[in-house]
């Protein structure tokens, strides 16, 4: 649950990111609080997408698989506020 909130918050703050960029930003900003593995980031990104809280854009790359860029949508912003309110006074 915490990693989902962190992912939603980072996408809201930084905008569109691919999974590796997101993992690196999380690692730099909250490494003291959350131990994040790249596989966990991708797992939760896909889960949040299927829950309707993120959108995906695909970018073609020559000689590489297409890159997925994730962005939070309005539903993601709304649910993140609601979930965060449970933790804040």
N, C-alpha and C. Protein backbone atom coordinates (compact mmCIF):
# COMPACT_ATOMS: atom_id res chain seq x y z
N UNK A 1 0.82 -1.20 0.00
CA UNK A 1 0.00 0.00 0.00
C UNK A 1 0.87 1.26 0.00
N UNK A 2 1.91 1.28 0.82
CA UNK A 2 2.75 2.47 0.90
C UNK A 2 3.42 2.74 -0.44
N UNK A 3 3.94 1.71 -1.10
CA UNK A 3 4.60 1.91 -2.38
C UNK A 3 3.62 2.45 -3.42
N UNK A 4 2.38 2.00 -3.39
CA UNK A 4 1.38 2.53 -4.32
C UNK A 4 1.20 4.04 -4.10
N UNK A 5 1.12 4.45 -2.84
CA UNK A 5 0.97 5.88 -2.53
C UNK A 5 2.19 6.67 -2.98
N UNK A 6 3.36 6.10 -2.77
CA UNK A 6 4.60 6.76 -3.19
C UNK A 6 4.62 6.92 -4.71
N UNK A 7 4.26 5.87 -5.43
CA UNK A 7 4.25 5.93 -6.89
C UNK A 7 3.27 6.99 -7.38
N UNK A 8 2.06 6.96 -6.86
CA UNK A 8 1.07 7.96 -7.27
C UNK A 8 1.55 9.38 -6.96
N UNK A 9 2.12 9.56 -5.78
CA UNK A 9 2.62 10.88 -5.39
C UNK A 9 3.77 11.35 -6.28
N UNK A 10 4.68 10.46 -6.60
CA UNK A 10 5.81 10.84 -7.45
C UNK A 10 5.34 11.17 -8.86
N UNK A 11 4.40 10.41 -9.39
CA UNK A 11 3.90 10.72 -10.73
C UNK A 11 3.14 12.04 -10.75
N UNK A 12 2.46 12.35 -9.66
CA UNK A 12 1.77 13.64 -9.57
C UNK A 12 2.80 14.77 -9.52
N UNK A 13 3.84 14.57 -8.75
CA UNK A 13 4.85 15.62 -8.57
C UNK A 13 5.75 15.82 -9.79
N UNK A 14 6.21 14.71 -10.39
CA UNK A 14 7.20 14.80 -11.46
C UNK A 14 6.62 14.64 -12.86
N UNK A 15 5.36 14.24 -12.97
CA UNK A 15 4.76 14.07 -14.29
C UNK A 15 5.07 12.71 -14.89
N UNK A 16 5.11 12.65 -16.20
CA UNK A 16 5.31 11.39 -16.92
C UNK A 16 6.69 10.81 -16.66
N UNK A 17 6.72 9.51 -16.32
CA UNK A 17 7.99 8.82 -16.08
C UNK A 17 7.88 7.38 -16.55
N UNK A 18 9.00 6.80 -16.96
CA UNK A 18 8.99 5.35 -17.18
C UNK A 18 9.46 4.69 -15.89
N UNK A 19 9.30 3.40 -15.80
CA UNK A 19 9.52 2.68 -14.56
C UNK A 19 10.90 2.88 -13.96
N UNK A 20 11.93 2.83 -14.79
CA UNK A 20 13.29 2.97 -14.27
C UNK A 20 13.52 4.37 -13.72
N UNK A 21 13.04 5.39 -14.43
CA UNK A 21 13.16 6.77 -13.94
C UNK A 21 12.47 6.92 -12.59
N UNK A 22 11.29 6.36 -12.49
CA UNK A 22 10.52 6.44 -11.26
C UNK A 22 11.28 5.77 -10.11
N UNK A 23 11.81 4.58 -10.36
CA UNK A 23 12.56 3.86 -9.33
C UNK A 23 13.76 4.68 -8.87
N UNK A 24 14.47 5.29 -9.80
CA UNK A 24 15.63 6.11 -9.46
C UNK A 24 15.25 7.32 -8.61
N UNK A 25 14.17 7.98 -8.98
CA UNK A 25 13.71 9.15 -8.20
C UNK A 25 13.28 8.73 -6.80
N UNK A 26 12.55 7.65 -6.70
CA UNK A 26 12.14 7.16 -5.38
C UNK A 26 13.37 6.82 -4.55
N UNK A 27 14.34 6.15 -5.17
CA UNK A 27 15.57 5.79 -4.47
C UNK A 27 16.32 6.99 -3.93
N UNK A 28 16.35 8.06 -4.71
CA UNK A 28 17.06 9.27 -4.27
C UNK A 28 16.30 10.01 -3.18
N UNK A 29 15.00 10.06 -3.30
CA UNK A 29 14.20 10.91 -2.41
C UNK A 29 13.79 10.25 -1.10
N UNK A 30 13.44 8.96 -1.13
CA UNK A 30 12.90 8.32 0.08
C UNK A 30 13.58 7.00 0.42
N UNK A 31 14.82 6.85 0.02
CA UNK A 31 15.53 5.60 0.26
C UNK A 31 15.64 5.27 1.75
N UNK A 32 15.65 6.29 2.59
CA UNK A 32 15.73 6.05 4.04
C UNK A 32 14.45 5.43 4.60
N UNK A 33 13.34 5.58 3.89
CA UNK A 33 12.05 5.13 4.38
C UNK A 33 11.51 3.90 3.66
N UNK A 34 11.85 3.76 2.38
CA UNK A 34 11.28 2.70 1.56
C UNK A 34 12.40 2.02 0.77
N UNK A 35 12.49 0.71 0.86
CA UNK A 35 13.44 -0.04 0.05
C UNK A 35 12.70 -0.50 -1.20
N UNK A 36 13.09 0.02 -2.34
CA UNK A 36 12.35 -0.22 -3.57
C UNK A 36 13.18 -1.00 -4.56
N UNK A 37 12.61 -2.08 -5.07
CA UNK A 37 13.22 -2.85 -6.15
C UNK A 37 12.49 -2.51 -7.44
N UNK A 38 13.22 -2.54 -8.53
CA UNK A 38 12.63 -2.21 -9.83
C UNK A 38 11.45 -3.12 -10.15
N UNK A 39 11.57 -4.40 -9.84
CA UNK A 39 10.47 -5.33 -10.12
C UNK A 39 9.20 -4.94 -9.35
N UNK A 40 9.35 -4.44 -8.12
CA UNK A 40 8.19 -3.99 -7.35
C UNK A 40 7.55 -2.76 -7.96
N UNK A 41 8.38 -1.84 -8.47
CA UNK A 41 7.85 -0.64 -9.10
C UNK A 41 7.02 -1.02 -10.32
N UNK A 42 7.56 -1.89 -11.19
CA UNK A 42 6.82 -2.29 -12.38
C UNK A 42 5.54 -3.05 -12.02
N UNK A 43 5.61 -3.89 -11.02
CA UNK A 43 4.43 -4.63 -10.57
C UNK A 43 3.31 -3.66 -10.16
N UNK A 44 3.66 -2.67 -9.34
CA UNK A 44 2.64 -1.73 -8.86
C UNK A 44 2.19 -0.76 -9.95
N UNK A 45 3.08 -0.40 -10.87
CA UNK A 45 2.66 0.45 -12.00
C UNK A 45 1.58 -0.26 -12.81
N UNK A 46 1.81 -1.52 -13.13
CA UNK A 46 0.81 -2.28 -13.90
C UNK A 46 -0.49 -2.43 -13.11
N UNK A 47 -0.37 -2.69 -11.82
CA UNK A 47 -1.55 -2.84 -10.99
C UNK A 47 -2.36 -1.53 -10.94
N UNK A 48 -1.67 -0.41 -10.74
CA UNK A 48 -2.33 0.89 -10.71
C UNK A 48 -2.97 1.21 -12.06
N UNK A 49 -2.32 0.82 -13.15
CA UNK A 49 -2.89 1.02 -14.48
C UNK A 49 -4.19 0.23 -14.63
N UNK A 50 -4.17 -1.02 -14.21
CA UNK A 50 -5.36 -1.86 -14.32
C UNK A 50 -6.47 -1.43 -13.37
N UNK A 51 -6.12 -0.73 -12.32
CA UNK A 51 -7.12 -0.16 -11.40
C UNK A 51 -7.69 1.15 -11.95
N UNK A 52 -7.17 1.62 -13.08
CA UNK A 52 -7.67 2.84 -13.71
C UNK A 52 -7.12 4.12 -13.12
N UNK A 53 -5.98 4.04 -12.42
CA UNK A 53 -5.41 5.21 -11.75
C UNK A 53 -4.25 5.84 -12.52
N UNK A 54 -3.76 5.14 -13.54
CA UNK A 54 -2.68 5.63 -14.38
C UNK A 54 -3.04 5.48 -15.85
N UNK A 55 -2.43 6.29 -16.68
CA UNK A 55 -2.49 6.13 -18.13
C UNK A 55 -1.08 5.77 -18.60
N UNK A 56 -1.00 5.16 -19.76
CA UNK A 56 0.28 4.77 -20.36
C UNK A 56 0.38 5.36 -21.75
N UNK A 57 1.55 5.89 -22.07
CA UNK A 57 1.90 6.26 -23.44
C UNK A 57 3.05 5.36 -23.87
N UNK A 58 3.04 4.96 -25.12
CA UNK A 58 4.11 4.11 -25.65
C UNK A 58 4.98 4.93 -26.58
N UNK A 59 6.28 4.82 -26.41
CA UNK A 59 7.23 5.49 -27.28
C UNK A 59 8.07 4.43 -27.98
N UNK A 60 8.12 4.56 -29.30
CA UNK A 60 8.91 3.62 -30.09
C UNK A 60 10.39 3.94 -29.93
N UNK A 61 11.17 2.88 -29.86
CA UNK A 61 12.62 3.01 -29.80
C UNK A 61 13.22 2.12 -30.88
N UNK A 62 14.18 2.62 -31.59
CA UNK A 62 14.79 1.79 -32.62
C UNK A 62 15.64 0.72 -31.96
N UNK A 63 15.46 -0.49 -32.42
CA UNK A 63 16.21 -1.66 -31.96
C UNK A 63 15.99 -2.00 -30.49
N UNK A 64 14.94 -1.48 -29.90
CA UNK A 64 14.58 -1.81 -28.52
C UNK A 64 13.06 -1.95 -28.45
N UNK A 65 12.56 -2.63 -27.42
CA UNK A 65 11.10 -2.67 -27.25
C UNK A 65 10.55 -1.27 -26.97
N UNK A 66 9.28 -1.07 -27.28
CA UNK A 66 8.65 0.22 -27.00
C UNK A 66 8.75 0.53 -25.51
N UNK A 67 8.92 1.80 -25.19
CA UNK A 67 9.04 2.24 -23.81
C UNK A 67 7.66 2.68 -23.31
N UNK A 68 7.29 2.22 -22.12
CA UNK A 68 6.04 2.63 -21.49
C UNK A 68 6.31 3.83 -20.58
N UNK A 69 5.55 4.88 -20.81
CA UNK A 69 5.64 6.06 -19.96
C UNK A 69 4.33 6.15 -19.18
N UNK A 70 4.45 6.21 -17.87
CA UNK A 70 3.27 6.22 -17.00
C UNK A 70 2.97 7.64 -16.54
N UNK A 71 1.68 7.93 -16.41
CA UNK A 71 1.25 9.22 -15.87
C UNK A 71 0.00 9.02 -15.03
N UNK A 72 -0.11 9.80 -13.98
CA UNK A 72 -1.28 9.72 -13.12
C UNK A 72 -2.45 10.42 -13.82
N UNK A 73 -3.65 9.89 -13.65
CA UNK A 73 -4.84 10.54 -14.20
C UNK A 73 -5.67 11.11 -13.05
N UNK A 74 -6.79 11.72 -13.36
CA UNK A 74 -7.59 12.37 -12.32
C UNK A 74 -8.08 11.38 -11.28
N UNK A 75 -8.44 10.18 -11.70
CA UNK A 75 -8.86 9.16 -10.73
C UNK A 75 -7.72 8.82 -9.77
N UNK A 76 -6.50 8.75 -10.29
CA UNK A 76 -5.34 8.49 -9.45
C UNK A 76 -5.08 9.60 -8.46
N UNK A 77 -5.25 10.84 -8.91
CA UNK A 77 -5.08 11.99 -8.01
C UNK A 77 -6.12 11.94 -6.90
N UNK A 78 -7.37 11.66 -7.28
CA UNK A 78 -8.44 11.63 -6.28
C UNK A 78 -8.24 10.52 -5.26
N UNK A 79 -7.91 9.33 -5.72
CA UNK A 79 -7.76 8.20 -4.80
C UNK A 79 -6.53 8.39 -3.93
N UNK A 80 -5.47 9.00 -4.47
CA UNK A 80 -4.28 9.26 -3.67
C UNK A 80 -4.60 10.21 -2.52
N UNK A 81 -5.36 11.26 -2.80
CA UNK A 81 -5.77 12.19 -1.74
C UNK A 81 -6.57 11.47 -0.68
N UNK A 82 -7.50 10.63 -1.12
CA UNK A 82 -8.35 9.89 -0.17
C UNK A 82 -7.51 8.94 0.68
N UNK A 83 -6.63 8.20 0.07
CA UNK A 83 -5.79 7.25 0.82
C UNK A 83 -4.84 7.98 1.76
N UNK A 84 -4.26 9.08 1.30
CA UNK A 84 -3.36 9.84 2.18
C UNK A 84 -4.10 10.42 3.37
N UNK A 85 -5.33 10.81 3.18
CA UNK A 85 -6.10 11.40 4.29
C UNK A 85 -6.28 10.42 5.44
N UNK A 86 -6.19 9.13 5.16
CA UNK A 86 -6.30 8.12 6.23
C UNK A 86 -5.07 8.15 7.13
N UNK A 87 -3.94 8.62 6.60
CA UNK A 87 -2.69 8.61 7.35
C UNK A 87 -2.37 9.95 8.00
N UNK A 88 -3.07 11.00 7.58
CA UNK A 88 -2.78 12.33 8.09
C UNK A 88 -3.84 12.75 9.10
N UNK A 89 -3.44 13.55 10.10
CA UNK A 89 -4.44 14.01 11.09
C UNK A 89 -5.43 14.99 10.50
